[in-house]
């Protein structure tokens, strides 16, 4: 594992990243340890996947009208049938763990019932699927220049329009992709 733990950081896809599944992706790293890494793309809305409809498909009654309008995100190419709720608050749900002081990830339905009623969490994003890396795989991709790293913040994670997140994350670390060499990461 690299000397830096990237949990609670963003990965910004470099423009020359060869995998089209991650073109202009912004990935929030939920876990990074000696076994690998797990992250969620947070800038790919699935316009056809409204959170309210997904909850109703799970036989969860939706009483909060905003939930009917919220869109789910494509969290990544792995297990797109599995939902991950990225949210503010504490890990008080059945299958939940803290990523940072005020950001958690939950995979159990108990949180979905509270979201459907407009209760339980301040901010949330429902992500379908995830991105993952095996042991040292992410370190290798970073060394290849496939990703740039940016510290995470709640405004970018929950309040910034999806289509602006990739560029704003790059701006935060002073990167202008118009002037970035395709040889990033190589001395």
C-alpha atoms as a PDB file:
ATOM      1  CA  UNK A   1       0.000   0.000   0.000  1.00  0.00           C
ATOM      2  CA  UNK A   2       1.156   3.522  -0.591  1.00  0.00           C
ATOM      3  CA  UNK A   3       2.303   5.517   2.391  1.00  0.00           C
ATOM      4  CA  UNK A   4      -0.769   7.720   2.017  1.00  0.00           C
ATOM      5  CA  UNK A   5      -4.196   6.449   2.959  1.00  0.00           C
ATOM      6  CA  UNK A   6      -6.641   7.878   0.429  1.00  0.00           C
ATOM      7  CA  UNK A   7      -9.796   7.216   2.424  1.00  0.00           C
ATOM      8  CA  UNK A   8     -11.980  10.367   2.297  1.00  0.00           C
ATOM      9  CA  UNK A   9     -10.215  11.677  -0.815  1.00  0.00           C
ATOM     10  CA  UNK A  10     -11.342  12.123  -4.393  1.00  0.00           C
ATOM     11  CA  UNK A  11      -9.738  10.488  -7.378  1.00  0.00           C
ATOM     12  CA  UNK A  12      -9.944  12.702 -10.448  1.00  0.00           C
ATOM     13  CA  UNK A  13      -9.687  10.760 -13.704  1.00  0.00           C
ATOM     14  CA  UNK A  14      -6.862  12.085 -15.849  1.00  0.00           C
ATOM     15  CA  UNK A  15      -7.982  13.022 -19.372  1.00  0.00           C
ATOM     16  CA  UNK A  16      -5.825  10.277 -20.908  1.00  0.00           C
ATOM     17  CA  UNK A  17      -7.229   7.486 -18.708  1.00  0.00           C
ATOM     18  CA  UNK A  18      -7.742   4.659 -21.194  1.00  0.00           C
ATOM     19  CA  UNK A  19     -10.781   3.019 -19.550  1.00  0.00           C
ATOM     20  CA  UNK A  20     -13.901   4.721 -20.990  1.00  0.00           C
ATOM     21  CA  UNK A  21     -15.949   3.649 -17.952  1.00  0.00           C
ATOM     22  CA  UNK A  22     -14.033   6.245 -15.944  1.00  0.00           C
ATOM     23  CA  UNK A  23     -13.828   9.097 -18.444  1.00  0.00           C
ATOM     24  CA  UNK A  24     -14.014  12.366 -16.472  1.00  0.00           C
ATOM     25  CA  UNK A  25     -14.939  10.377 -13.364  1.00  0.00           C
ATOM     26  CA  UNK A  26     -14.730  11.761  -9.859  1.00  0.00           C
ATOM     27  CA  UNK A  27     -14.479   8.919  -7.364  1.00  0.00           C
ATOM     28  CA  UNK A  28     -14.882   9.296  -3.619  1.00  0.00           C
ATOM     29  CA  UNK A  29     -12.661   6.776  -1.826  1.00  0.00           C
ATOM     30  CA  UNK A  30     -14.590   5.066   0.970  1.00  0.00           C
ATOM     31  CA  UNK A  31     -11.855   2.638   1.996  1.00  0.00           C
ATOM     32  CA  UNK A  32      -8.151   2.345   1.219  1.00  0.00           C
ATOM     33  CA  UNK A  33      -6.046  -0.170   3.112  1.00  0.00           C
ATOM     34  CA  UNK A  34      -3.505  -2.930   2.528  1.00  0.00           C
ATOM     35  CA  UNK A  35      -6.202  -5.099   0.880  1.00  0.00           C
ATOM     36  CA  UNK A  36      -7.079  -2.524  -1.792  1.00  0.00           C
ATOM     37  CA  UNK A  37      -9.569   0.291  -2.215  1.00  0.00           C
ATOM     38  CA  UNK A  38     -13.296   0.860  -2.670  1.00  0.00           C
ATOM     39  CA  UNK A  39     -14.791   4.021  -4.101  1.00  0.00           C
ATOM     40  CA  UNK A  40     -17.983   5.502  -5.506  1.00  0.00           C
ATOM     41  CA  UNK A  41     -18.266   7.660  -8.604  1.00  0.00           C
ATOM     42  CA  UNK A  42     -20.082  10.783  -7.482  1.00  0.00           C
ATOM     43  CA  UNK A  43     -20.547  12.636 -10.747  1.00  0.00           C
ATOM     44  CA  UNK A  44     -22.514  10.213 -12.933  1.00  0.00           C
ATOM     45  CA  UNK A  45     -26.262  10.653 -12.456  1.00  0.00           C
ATOM     46  CA  UNK A  46     -28.490   7.902 -13.802  1.00  0.00           C
ATOM     47  CA  UNK A  47     -31.293  10.091 -15.128  1.00  0.00           C
ATOM     48  CA  UNK A  48     -33.588   7.095 -15.613  1.00  0.00           C
ATOM     49  CA  UNK A  49     -33.022   5.912 -12.021  1.00  0.00           C
ATOM     50  CA  UNK A  50     -35.007   8.104  -9.657  1.00  0.00           C
ATOM     51  CA  UNK A  51     -34.430   7.253  -6.009  1.00  0.00           C
ATOM     52  CA  UNK A  52     -38.154   7.285  -5.236  1.00  0.00           C
ATOM     53  CA  UNK A  53     -38.913   4.744  -7.972  1.00  0.00           C
ATOM     54  CA  UNK A  54     -36.061   2.511  -6.839  1.00  0.00           C
ATOM     55  CA  UNK A  55     -37.396   2.603  -3.268  1.00  0.00           C
ATOM     56  CA  UNK A  56     -40.928   1.823  -4.434  1.00  0.00           C
ATOM     57  CA  UNK A  57     -39.517  -1.141  -6.382  1.00  0.00           C
ATOM     58  CA  UNK A  58     -38.222  -2.378  -3.005  1.00  0.00           C
ATOM     59  CA  UNK A  59     -41.750  -1.970  -1.545  1.00  0.00           C
ATOM     60  CA  UNK A  60     -40.673   1.035   0.512  1.00  0.00           C
ATOM     61  CA  UNK A  61     -43.345   3.709   0.772  1.00  0.00           C
ATOM     62  CA  UNK A  62     -42.029   7.130  -0.227  1.00  0.00           C
ATOM     63  CA  UNK A  63     -43.659  10.063   1.575  1.00  0.00           C
ATOM     64  CA  UNK A  64     -41.013  12.729   0.916  1.00  0.00           C
ATOM     65  CA  UNK A  65     -41.723  14.290  -2.511  1.00  0.00           C
ATOM     66  CA  UNK A  66     -38.074  15.378  -2.912  1.00  0.00           C
ATOM     67  CA  UNK A  67     -36.971  11.742  -2.830  1.00  0.00           C
ATOM     68  CA  UNK A  68     -39.148  11.096  -5.889  1.00  0.00           C
ATOM     69  CA  UNK A  69     -37.055  13.665  -7.794  1.00  0.00           C
ATOM     70  CA  UNK A  70     -33.597  12.673  -6.526  1.00  0.00           C
ATOM     71  CA  UNK A  71     -31.480  10.732  -9.008  1.00  0.00           C
ATOM     72  CA  UNK A  72     -29.308   7.752  -8.204  1.00  0.00           C
ATOM     73  CA  UNK A  73     -25.683   7.776  -9.279  1.00  0.00           C
ATOM     74  CA  UNK A  74     -23.666   5.234 -11.197  1.00  0.00           C
ATOM     75  CA  UNK A  75     -21.299   4.319  -8.376  1.00  0.00           C
ATOM     76  CA  UNK A  76     -19.050   2.205 -10.558  1.00  0.00           C
ATOM     77  CA  UNK A  77     -18.930  -0.828 -12.812  1.00  0.00           C
ATOM     78  CA  UNK A  78     -18.777  -3.449 -10.061  1.00  0.00           C
ATOM     79  CA  UNK A  79     -22.093  -4.913  -8.830  1.00  0.00           C
ATOM     80  CA  UNK A  80     -24.406  -2.271 -10.350  1.00  0.00           C
ATOM     81  CA  UNK A  81     -27.376  -4.062  -8.792  1.00  0.00           C
ATOM     82  CA  UNK A  82     -26.108  -3.223  -5.286  1.00  0.00           C
ATOM     83  CA  UNK A  83     -26.965   0.122  -3.718  1.00  0.00           C
ATOM     84  CA  UNK A  84     -24.615   2.109  -1.510  1.00  0.00           C
ATOM     85  CA  UNK A  85     -25.933   5.083   0.435  1.00  0.00           C
ATOM     86  CA  UNK A  86     -23.260   7.710   0.925  1.00  0.00           C
ATOM     87  CA  UNK A  87     -24.507  10.084   3.615  1.00  0.00           C
ATOM     88  CA  UNK A  88     -23.733  12.571   6.336  1.00  0.00           C
ATOM     89  CA  UNK A  89     -24.228  11.632   9.960  1.00  0.00           C
ATOM     90  CA  UNK A  90     -23.073   8.723  12.042  1.00  0.00           C
ATOM     91  CA  UNK A  91     -22.936   4.955  11.332  1.00  0.00           C
ATOM     92  CA  UNK A  92     -26.126   4.146  13.216  1.00  0.00           C
ATOM     93  CA  UNK A  93     -27.658   1.806  10.626  1.00  0.00           C
ATOM     94  CA  UNK A  94     -27.558  -2.008  10.455  1.00  0.00           C
ATOM     95  CA  UNK A  95     -24.802  -2.152   7.819  1.00  0.00           C
ATOM     96  CA  UNK A  96     -22.930   1.112   8.075  1.00  0.00           C
ATOM     97  CA  UNK A  97     -19.403   2.360   8.611  1.00  0.00           C
ATOM     98  CA  UNK A  98     -17.843   5.762   9.077  1.00  0.00           C
ATOM     99  CA  UNK A  99     -15.531   7.048   6.367  1.00  0.00           C
ATOM    100  CA  UNK A 100     -14.718  10.344   8.061  1.00  0.00           C
ATOM    101  CA  UNK A 101     -16.037  12.342  10.992  1.00  0.00           C
ATOM    102  CA  UNK A 102     -19.352  13.122   9.277  1.00  0.00           C
ATOM    103  CA  UNK A 103     -19.515  10.858   6.189  1.00  0.00           C
ATOM    104  CA  UNK A 104     -20.698   7.261   6.214  1.00  0.00           C
ATOM    105  CA  UNK A 105     -21.607   4.518   3.800  1.00  0.00           C
ATOM    106  CA  UNK A 106     -24.577   2.251   4.440  1.00  0.00           C
ATOM    107  CA  UNK A 107     -25.855  -0.768   2.521  1.00  0.00           C
ATOM    108  CA  UNK A 108     -28.835  -1.828   4.643  1.00  0.00           C
ATOM    109  CA  UNK A 109     -32.497  -1.086   3.897  1.00  0.00           C
ATOM    110  CA  UNK A 110     -33.202   0.546   7.259  1.00  0.00           C
ATOM    111  CA  UNK A 111     -31.666   3.811   6.056  1.00  0.00           C
ATOM    112  CA  UNK A 112     -33.713   3.669   2.843  1.00  0.00           C
ATOM    113  CA  UNK A 113     -36.955   3.628   4.823  1.00  0.00           C
ATOM    114  CA  UNK A 114     -35.900   6.736   6.729  1.00  0.00           C
ATOM    115  CA  UNK A 115     -34.799   8.505   3.540  1.00  0.00           C
ATOM    116  CA  UNK A 116     -38.177   7.679   1.963  1.00  0.00           C
ATOM    117  CA  UNK A 117     -39.831   9.490   4.866  1.00  0.00           C
ATOM    118  CA  UNK A 118     -37.434  12.452   4.697  1.00  0.00           C
ATOM    119  CA  UNK A 119     -35.780  11.510   7.989  1.00  0.00           C
ATOM    120  CA  UNK A 120     -32.504  10.214   9.313  1.00  0.00           C
ATOM    121  CA  UNK A 121     -29.835  11.880   7.177  1.00  0.00           C
ATOM    122  CA  UNK A 122     -28.948  15.431   6.239  1.00  0.00           C
ATOM    123  CA  UNK A 123     -27.372  14.729   2.851  1.00  0.00           C
ATOM    124  CA  UNK A 124     -27.290  11.481   0.920  1.00  0.00           C
ATOM    125  CA  UNK A 125     -26.527   9.992  -2.456  1.00  0.00           C
ATOM    126  CA  UNK A 126     -27.689   6.566  -3.563  1.00  0.00           C
ATOM    127  CA  UNK A 127     -24.988   4.987  -5.710  1.00  0.00           C
ATOM    128  CA  UNK A 128     -25.579   1.837  -7.740  1.00  0.00           C
ATOM    129  CA  UNK A 129     -22.417  -0.211  -8.032  1.00  0.00           C
ATOM    130  CA  UNK A 130     -18.906   0.711  -6.981  1.00  0.00           C
ATOM    131  CA  UNK A 131     -15.304   0.864  -8.151  1.00  0.00           C
ATOM    132  CA  UNK A 132     -12.688  -1.285  -6.482  1.00  0.00           C
ATOM    133  CA  UNK A 133      -8.987  -1.964  -6.711  1.00  0.00           C
ATOM    134  CA  UNK A 134      -7.028  -4.991  -5.562  1.00  0.00           C
ATOM    135  CA  UNK A 135      -3.953  -4.894  -3.387  1.00  0.00           C
ATOM    136  CA  UNK A 136      -1.522  -2.237  -4.731  1.00  0.00           C
ATOM    137  CA  UNK A 137      -3.606  -1.819  -7.921  1.00  0.00           C
ATOM    138  CA  UNK A 138      -4.600   1.756  -7.116  1.00  0.00           C
ATOM    139  CA  UNK A 139      -1.006   2.616  -6.227  1.00  0.00           C
ATOM    140  CA  UNK A 140       0.065   1.360  -9.651  1.00  0.00           C
ATOM    141  CA  UNK A 141      -2.643   3.384 -11.424  1.00  0.00           C
ATOM    142  CA  UNK A 142      -1.608   6.490  -9.484  1.00  0.00           C
ATOM    143  CA  UNK A 143       1.992   5.888 -10.516  1.00  0.00           C
ATOM    144  CA  UNK A 144       0.856   5.569 -14.142  1.00  0.00           C
ATOM    145  CA  UNK A 145      -0.775   8.992 -13.911  1.00  0.00           C
ATOM    146  CA  UNK A 146      -4.317   7.653 -14.377  1.00  0.00           C
ATOM    147  CA  UNK A 147      -5.659   9.576 -11.384  1.00  0.00           C
ATOM    148  CA  UNK A 148      -5.080  12.834  -9.552  1.00  0.00           C
ATOM    149  CA  UNK A 149      -5.836  13.049  -5.827  1.00  0.00           C
ATOM    150  CA  UNK A 150      -7.866  15.760  -4.119  1.00  0.00           C
ATOM    151  CA  UNK A 151      -8.882  16.007  -0.446  1.00  0.00           C
ATOM    152  CA  UNK A 152     -12.619  15.460  -0.097  1.00  0.00           C
ATOM    153  CA  UNK A 153     -14.996  18.077   1.231  1.00  0.00           C
ATOM    154  CA  UNK A 154     -18.708  17.921   1.939  1.00  0.00           C
ATOM    155  CA  UNK A 155     -19.661  20.793  -0.367  1.00  0.00           C
ATOM    156  CA  UNK A 156     -18.143  19.117  -3.396  1.00  0.00           C
ATOM    157  CA  UNK A 157     -19.464  15.725  -2.315  1.00  0.00           C
ATOM    158  CA  UNK A 158     -23.089  16.686  -1.685  1.00  0.00           C
ATOM    159  CA  UNK A 159     -23.892  20.222  -2.855  1.00  0.00           C
ATOM    160  CA  UNK A 160     -22.068  20.762  -6.151  1.00  0.00           C
ATOM    161  CA  UNK A 161     -23.961  19.972  -9.374  1.00  0.00           C
ATOM    162  CA  UNK A 162     -22.866  16.573 -10.725  1.00  0.00           C
ATOM    163  CA  UNK A 163     -21.673  17.916 -14.076  1.00  0.00           C
ATOM    164  CA  UNK A 164     -19.329  20.415 -12.367  1.00  0.00           C
ATOM    165  CA  UNK A 165     -17.680  18.108  -9.830  1.00  0.00           C
ATOM    166  CA  UNK A 166     -14.811  16.734 -11.940  1.00  0.00           C
ATOM    167  CA  UNK A 167     -13.652  20.188 -13.025  1.00  0.00           C
ATOM    168  CA  UNK A 168     -14.128  21.783  -9.598  1.00  0.00           C
ATOM    169  CA  UNK A 169     -12.095  19.009  -7.955  1.00  0.00           C
ATOM    170  CA  UNK A 170      -9.297  19.657 -10.462  1.00  0.00           C
ATOM    171  CA  UNK A 171      -9.544  23.394  -9.814  1.00  0.00           C
ATOM    172  CA  UNK A 172      -9.186  22.734  -6.060  1.00  0.00           C
ATOM    173  CA  UNK A 173      -5.740  21.251  -6.615  1.00  0.00           C
ATOM    174  CA  UNK A 174      -4.720  23.841  -9.188  1.00  0.00           C
ATOM    175  CA  UNK A 175      -4.979  21.638 -12.280  1.00  0.00           C
ATOM    176  CA  UNK A 176      -6.086  23.046 -15.613  1.00  0.00           C
ATOM    177  CA  UNK A 177      -6.659  20.090 -17.937  1.00  0.00           C
ATOM    178  CA  UNK A 178      -6.235  22.343 -20.979  1.00  0.00           C
ATOM    179  CA  UNK A 179      -2.553  22.684 -20.088  1.00  0.00           C
ATOM    180  CA  UNK A 180      -1.913  19.240 -18.614  1.00  0.00           C
ATOM    181  CA  UNK A 181       0.617  17.056 -20.415  1.00  0.00           C
ATOM    182  CA  UNK A 182      -0.402  13.555 -21.415  1.00  0.00           C
ATOM    183  CA  UNK A 183       2.770  12.425 -19.649  1.00  0.00           C
ATOM    184  CA  UNK A 184       1.368  13.152 -16.173  1.00  0.00           C
ATOM    185  CA  UNK A 185       3.002  11.160 -13.432  1.00  0.00           C
ATOM    186  CA  UNK A 186       6.190  10.439 -15.365  1.00  0.00           C
ATOM    187  CA  UNK A 187       9.473  12.166 -14.597  1.00  0.00           C
END
